[in-house]
């Protein structure tokens, strides 16, 4: 996925990880908008033209699957990011590309490219 000029929603409750991902995305030419809570992310989706999203699976104890469903309905490509290793998603999200922390820009770009093709 060409990230140049895209607004990428990053849903991440660990500030250091969010900032590192923001830097990575910036290096790829994207603009990142970070949400540390699912409710904030939903509001951003309603008010901004999001080009893609990276969702931490568990944000302050709340799973992001409802947000993922909303993104899917809007046709916005998204991926999951997790620190839980080989996490099993619910059936409806089993094919969503997932990166495991720590990840690098190439893994993010590869996963977003796969998400865009779904």
Protein backbone atom coordinates (compact mmCIF):
# COMPACT_ATOMS: atom_id res chain seq x y z
CA UNK A 1 0.00 0.00 0.00
CA UNK A 2 1.29 3.41 -0.89
CA UNK A 3 1.03 5.38 2.35
CA UNK A 4 2.18 8.69 0.87
CA UNK A 5 -0.32 11.36 1.88
CA UNK A 6 -2.75 8.96 3.57
CA UNK A 7 -4.23 9.65 6.97
CA UNK A 8 -3.70 6.52 9.05
CA UNK A 9 -5.62 6.00 12.26
CA UNK A 10 -3.48 4.37 14.94
CA UNK A 11 -5.42 2.96 17.89
CA UNK A 12 -2.86 2.24 20.60
CA UNK A 13 -2.99 2.68 24.37
CA UNK A 14 0.78 2.59 24.91
CA UNK A 15 2.04 6.12 24.15
CA UNK A 16 5.60 5.05 23.33
CA UNK A 17 4.38 2.46 20.81
CA UNK A 18 1.95 4.97 19.30
CA UNK A 19 4.65 7.60 18.89
CA UNK A 20 7.07 5.08 17.38
CA UNK A 21 4.42 3.98 14.90
CA UNK A 22 3.63 7.61 14.10
CA UNK A 23 7.33 8.14 13.26
CA UNK A 24 7.41 4.99 11.09
CA UNK A 25 4.33 6.07 9.18
CA UNK A 26 5.75 9.56 8.76
CA UNK A 27 8.89 8.04 7.23
CA UNK A 28 6.58 6.36 4.68
CA UNK A 29 4.89 9.69 3.85
CA UNK A 30 1.70 9.08 5.82
CA UNK A 31 0.06 11.29 8.39
CA UNK A 32 -0.89 9.46 11.58
CA UNK A 33 -3.67 10.31 13.96
CA UNK A 34 -3.47 8.49 17.28
CA UNK A 35 -6.39 7.46 19.45
CA UNK A 36 -5.71 5.98 22.87
CA UNK A 37 -9.34 4.92 23.42
CA UNK A 38 -11.84 3.10 21.21
CA UNK A 39 -14.49 5.82 21.69
CA UNK A 40 -12.02 8.46 20.50
CA UNK A 41 -11.18 6.31 17.47
CA UNK A 42 -14.86 5.95 16.56
CA UNK A 43 -15.25 9.73 16.70
CA UNK A 44 -12.22 10.19 14.46
CA UNK A 45 -13.65 7.74 11.92
CA UNK A 46 -16.87 9.78 11.85
CA UNK A 47 -15.12 13.14 11.38
CA UNK A 48 -11.94 12.46 9.38
CA UNK A 49 -11.17 10.96 5.98
CA UNK A 50 -9.20 7.93 7.14
CA UNK A 51 -7.18 6.09 4.50
CA UNK A 52 -6.22 3.09 6.64
CA UNK A 53 -6.09 2.00 10.27
CA UNK A 54 -3.83 0.05 12.61
CA UNK A 55 -5.71 -1.31 15.60
CA UNK A 56 -4.17 -2.61 18.77
CA UNK A 57 -6.42 -5.57 19.61
CA UNK A 58 -6.78 -4.70 23.29
CA UNK A 59 -7.01 -1.01 24.22
CA UNK A 60 -7.40 -0.37 27.94
CA UNK A 61 -9.14 -3.72 28.30
CA UNK A 62 -11.53 -3.11 25.37
CA UNK A 63 -11.22 -5.24 22.23
CA UNK A 64 -11.25 -3.24 19.00
CA UNK A 65 -13.41 -5.66 17.00
CA UNK A 66 -16.43 -3.31 17.05
CA UNK A 67 -14.26 -0.55 15.61
CA UNK A 68 -12.91 -3.00 13.03
CA UNK A 69 -16.46 -3.84 12.00
CA UNK A 70 -17.22 -0.12 11.56
CA UNK A 71 -14.08 0.38 9.45
CA UNK A 72 -14.97 -2.61 7.29
CA UNK A 73 -18.47 -1.24 6.62
CA UNK A 74 -16.87 2.06 5.56
CA UNK A 75 -14.44 0.29 3.22
CA UNK A 76 -11.41 1.48 5.18
CA UNK A 77 -8.55 -1.05 5.12
CA UNK A 78 -7.30 -1.98 8.58
CA UNK A 79 -4.95 -4.35 10.30
CA UNK A 80 -4.56 -5.59 13.85
CA UNK A 81 -1.44 -5.17 15.95
CA UNK A 82 -0.92 -7.26 19.04
CA UNK A 83 1.62 -8.02 21.69
CA UNK A 84 -0.01 -11.35 22.43
CA UNK A 85 1.85 -13.39 19.83
CA UNK A 86 -0.28 -15.91 17.99
CA UNK A 87 -3.66 -14.45 18.92
CA UNK A 88 -6.80 -16.07 17.57
CA UNK A 89 -9.38 -13.56 16.41
CA UNK A 90 -13.12 -14.21 16.29
CA UNK A 91 -14.15 -16.02 13.11
CA UNK A 92 -15.32 -12.88 11.29
CA UNK A 93 -11.84 -11.34 11.71
CA UNK A 94 -9.74 -14.48 11.17
CA UNK A 95 -8.46 -13.27 7.78
CA UNK A 96 -7.55 -9.74 8.88
CA UNK A 97 -3.79 -9.21 8.58
CA UNK A 98 -2.16 -9.04 12.00
CA UNK A 99 1.31 -7.87 12.99
CA UNK A 100 2.96 -8.86 16.23
CA UNK A 101 4.79 -6.30 18.33
CA UNK A 102 7.56 -5.38 17.93
CA UNK A 103 7.02 -4.78 14.23
CA UNK A 104 8.77 -2.71 11.59
CA UNK A 105 7.61 -0.49 8.76
CA UNK A 106 7.96 -3.23 6.15
CA UNK A 107 5.65 -5.52 8.13
CA UNK A 108 3.10 -2.72 8.54
CA UNK A 109 3.21 -1.87 4.82
CA UNK A 110 2.91 -5.54 3.82
CA UNK A 111 -0.07 -6.08 6.15
CA UNK A 112 -1.83 -2.89 4.98
CA UNK A 113 -1.31 -3.93 1.34
CA UNK A 114 -2.95 -7.27 2.11
CA UNK A 115 -5.81 -5.52 3.94
CA UNK A 116 -6.41 -3.21 1.00
CA UNK A 117 -6.87 -6.23 -1.29
CA UNK A 118 -9.53 -7.80 0.93
